[in-house]
Amino acid sequence: MAYLTFEEYKDLGFSRITDEATYSQHEVATETQIDVTTRFFYNADYAQHSLSDDLAGSQWQVFRAKQFKRAVALQCDYFDEVGADTPIGIANQDLSSIEIGRTHVQSNSNVNATNFGKTGLATGVVAILAQIGLMSRAVSYR
């Protein structure tokens, strides 16, 4: 089950992606990147937390689930905007200069400025995930 359907994407007010097939491609890639980053927090196979249960849970759980869905939508838009949906694809899109013989072409690329480290996630997505506690790397000492 997808973290966010195309209809939910549109209901959240996102409109950059108009084609459902394109959205589905980006959503699958988004799931992979977010799962790795959040240590599979809402992954159905891991079954530690359920996104649908959280949407019907306490006030905090509902807020966390809704923000998670917003992060998924934002990441899908990011993948569509940069024209790639993997960290390597994003890095390849960030060609800032090329030199062939005496010809030198340089562009002012800001993809690295919008990409969180080498994760392939947009910095805005990471900010949302961090605020809802899904970027924590703490280790229990008990």
Protein backbone atom coordinates (compact mmCIF):
# COMPACT_ATOMS: atom_id res chain seq x y z
CA MET A 1 0.00 0.00 0.00
CA ALA A 2 1.34 3.43 -0.97
CA TYR A 3 2.04 5.94 1.76
CA LEU A 4 0.12 8.55 -0.23
CA THR A 5 -2.32 8.04 -3.08
CA PHE A 6 -2.53 10.41 -6.03
CA GLU A 7 -5.91 11.64 -4.75
CA GLU A 8 -4.45 12.37 -1.30
CA TYR A 9 -1.57 14.19 -2.98
CA LYS A 10 -4.03 16.48 -4.76
CA ASP A 11 -6.20 16.86 -1.62
CA LEU A 12 -3.16 18.16 0.27
CA GLY A 13 -3.00 21.01 -2.26
CA PHE A 14 -0.08 19.73 -4.31
CA SER A 15 -0.47 20.15 -8.05
CA ARG A 16 2.98 19.99 -9.67
CA ILE A 17 2.49 16.39 -10.85
CA THR A 18 -0.60 16.03 -13.02
CA ASP A 19 -0.05 12.55 -14.41
CA GLU A 20 -0.88 9.61 -12.12
CA ALA A 21 1.74 7.34 -13.73
CA THR A 22 4.49 9.89 -13.09
CA TYR A 23 3.23 10.36 -9.56
CA SER A 24 3.27 6.60 -8.92
CA GLN A 25 6.88 6.34 -10.10
CA HIS A 26 7.96 9.16 -7.80
CA GLU A 27 5.90 7.83 -4.88
CA VAL A 28 7.59 4.42 -5.02
CA ALA A 29 11.03 6.07 -5.08
CA THR A 30 9.97 8.38 -2.26
CA GLU A 31 8.91 5.41 -0.12
CA THR A 32 12.33 3.84 -0.56
CA GLN A 33 14.25 6.98 0.38
CA ILE A 34 12.01 7.84 3.32
CA ASP A 35 12.01 4.25 4.61
CA VAL A 36 15.80 4.18 4.66
CA THR A 37 16.00 7.57 6.35
CA THR A 38 13.31 6.85 8.98
CA ARG A 39 14.47 3.29 9.60
CA PHE A 40 11.26 1.87 8.09
CA PHE A 41 9.03 3.59 10.68
CA TYR A 42 5.77 3.21 8.70
CA ASN A 43 6.84 0.36 6.42
CA ALA A 44 4.08 -2.25 6.20
CA ASP A 45 6.54 -5.16 6.00
CA TYR A 46 8.30 -4.05 9.17
CA ALA A 47 4.94 -3.49 10.92
CA GLN A 48 6.34 -1.52 13.85
CA HIS A 49 3.94 1.39 13.25
CA SER A 50 0.84 1.61 11.09
CA LEU A 51 0.14 4.79 9.15
CA SER A 52 -3.59 4.02 9.00
CA ASP A 53 -3.71 3.28 12.75
CA ASP A 54 -1.90 6.54 13.50
CA LEU A 55 -4.42 8.48 11.39
CA ALA A 56 -7.11 7.17 13.77
CA GLY A 57 -5.01 7.42 16.95
CA SER A 58 -4.25 10.11 19.49
CA GLN A 59 -3.86 13.77 18.58
CA TRP A 60 -0.07 13.41 18.33
CA GLN A 61 -0.29 10.26 16.19
CA VAL A 62 -2.73 11.92 13.77
CA PHE A 63 -0.49 14.98 13.51
CA ARG A 64 2.60 12.83 12.92
CA ALA A 65 0.85 10.75 10.23
CA LYS A 66 -0.49 13.82 8.42
CA GLN A 67 2.92 15.50 8.44
CA PHE A 68 4.49 12.27 7.20
CA LYS A 69 2.05 12.27 4.27
CA ARG A 70 2.90 15.92 3.59
CA ALA A 71 6.59 14.99 3.53
CA VAL A 72 5.88 12.24 1.00
CA ALA A 73 4.02 14.69 -1.25
CA LEU A 74 6.81 17.26 -0.97
CA GLN A 75 9.43 14.62 -1.85
CA CYS A 76 7.44 13.52 -4.91
CA ASP A 77 7.38 17.15 -6.07
CA TYR A 78 11.13 17.42 -5.43
CA PHE A 79 11.85 14.33 -7.52
CA ASP A 80 9.69 15.72 -10.32
CA GLU A 81 11.38 19.13 -10.17
CA VAL A 82 14.96 17.86 -10.30
CA GLY A 83 14.09 15.27 -12.95
CA ALA A 84 15.43 12.26 -11.05
CA ASP A 85 14.21 10.01 -8.26
CA THR A 86 17.37 8.40 -6.88
CA PRO A 87 20.33 9.94 -5.05
CA ILE A 88 22.61 9.05 -7.98
CA GLY A 89 20.17 10.48 -10.48
CA ILE A 90 20.00 13.69 -8.48
CA ALA A 91 23.79 13.89 -8.31
CA ASN A 92 23.95 13.41 -12.09
CA GLN A 93 21.43 16.26 -12.55
CA ASP A 94 23.75 18.55 -10.60
CA LEU A 95 26.26 18.96 -13.39
CA SER A 96 27.63 22.39 -12.64
CA SER A 97 30.41 22.66 -15.21
CA ILE A 98 31.83 20.90 -18.22
CA GLU A 99 34.94 21.56 -20.23
CA ILE A 100 35.47 20.34 -23.79
CA GLY A 101 38.65 21.57 -25.39
CA ARG A 102 38.79 25.33 -24.90
CA THR A 103 35.06 25.58 -24.29
CA HIS A 104 33.97 25.79 -20.65
CA VAL A 105 30.28 25.84 -19.67
CA GLN A 106 29.26 26.46 -16.08
CA SER A 107 25.76 26.65 -14.67
CA ASN A 108 24.62 27.85 -11.31
CA SER A 109 23.14 24.59 -10.02
CA ASN A 110 21.56 24.55 -6.60
CA VAL A 111 20.53 20.90 -6.41
CA ASN A 112 23.11 20.19 -3.69
CA ALA A 113 21.74 23.09 -1.67
CA THR A 114 18.25 21.54 -1.69
CA ASN A 115 19.35 17.93 -1.16
CA PHE A 116 20.00 16.69 2.39
CA GLY A 117 23.47 15.16 2.33
CA LYS A 118 23.56 12.17 0.02
CA THR A 119 20.09 10.91 0.97
CA GLY A 120 18.23 12.16 -2.08
CA LEU A 121 15.69 13.82 0.22
CA ALA A 122 14.78 17.48 -0.04
CA THR A 123 15.86 19.57 2.94
CA GLY A 124 12.22 20.52 3.56
CA VAL A 125 11.25 16.86 3.80
CA VAL A 126 14.04 16.20 6.29
CA ALA A 127 12.91 19.21 8.33
CA ILE A 128 9.39 17.76 8.57
CA LEU A 129 10.64 14.27 9.44
CA ALA A 130 12.97 15.68 12.10
CA GLN A 131 10.21 17.75 13.70
CA ILE A 132 7.94 14.72 14.05
CA GLY A 133 10.75 12.64 15.54
CA LEU A 134 11.49 10.32 12.64
CA MET A 135 15.10 11.43 12.12
CA SER A 136 16.22 10.54 15.62
CA ARG A 137 19.27 8.33 15.91
CA ALA A 138 19.29 8.04 19.69
CA VAL A 139 20.22 4.78 21.38
CA SER A 140 18.51 3.68 24.56
CA TYR A 141 20.91 3.25 27.44
CA ARG A 142 18.58 1.09 29.54
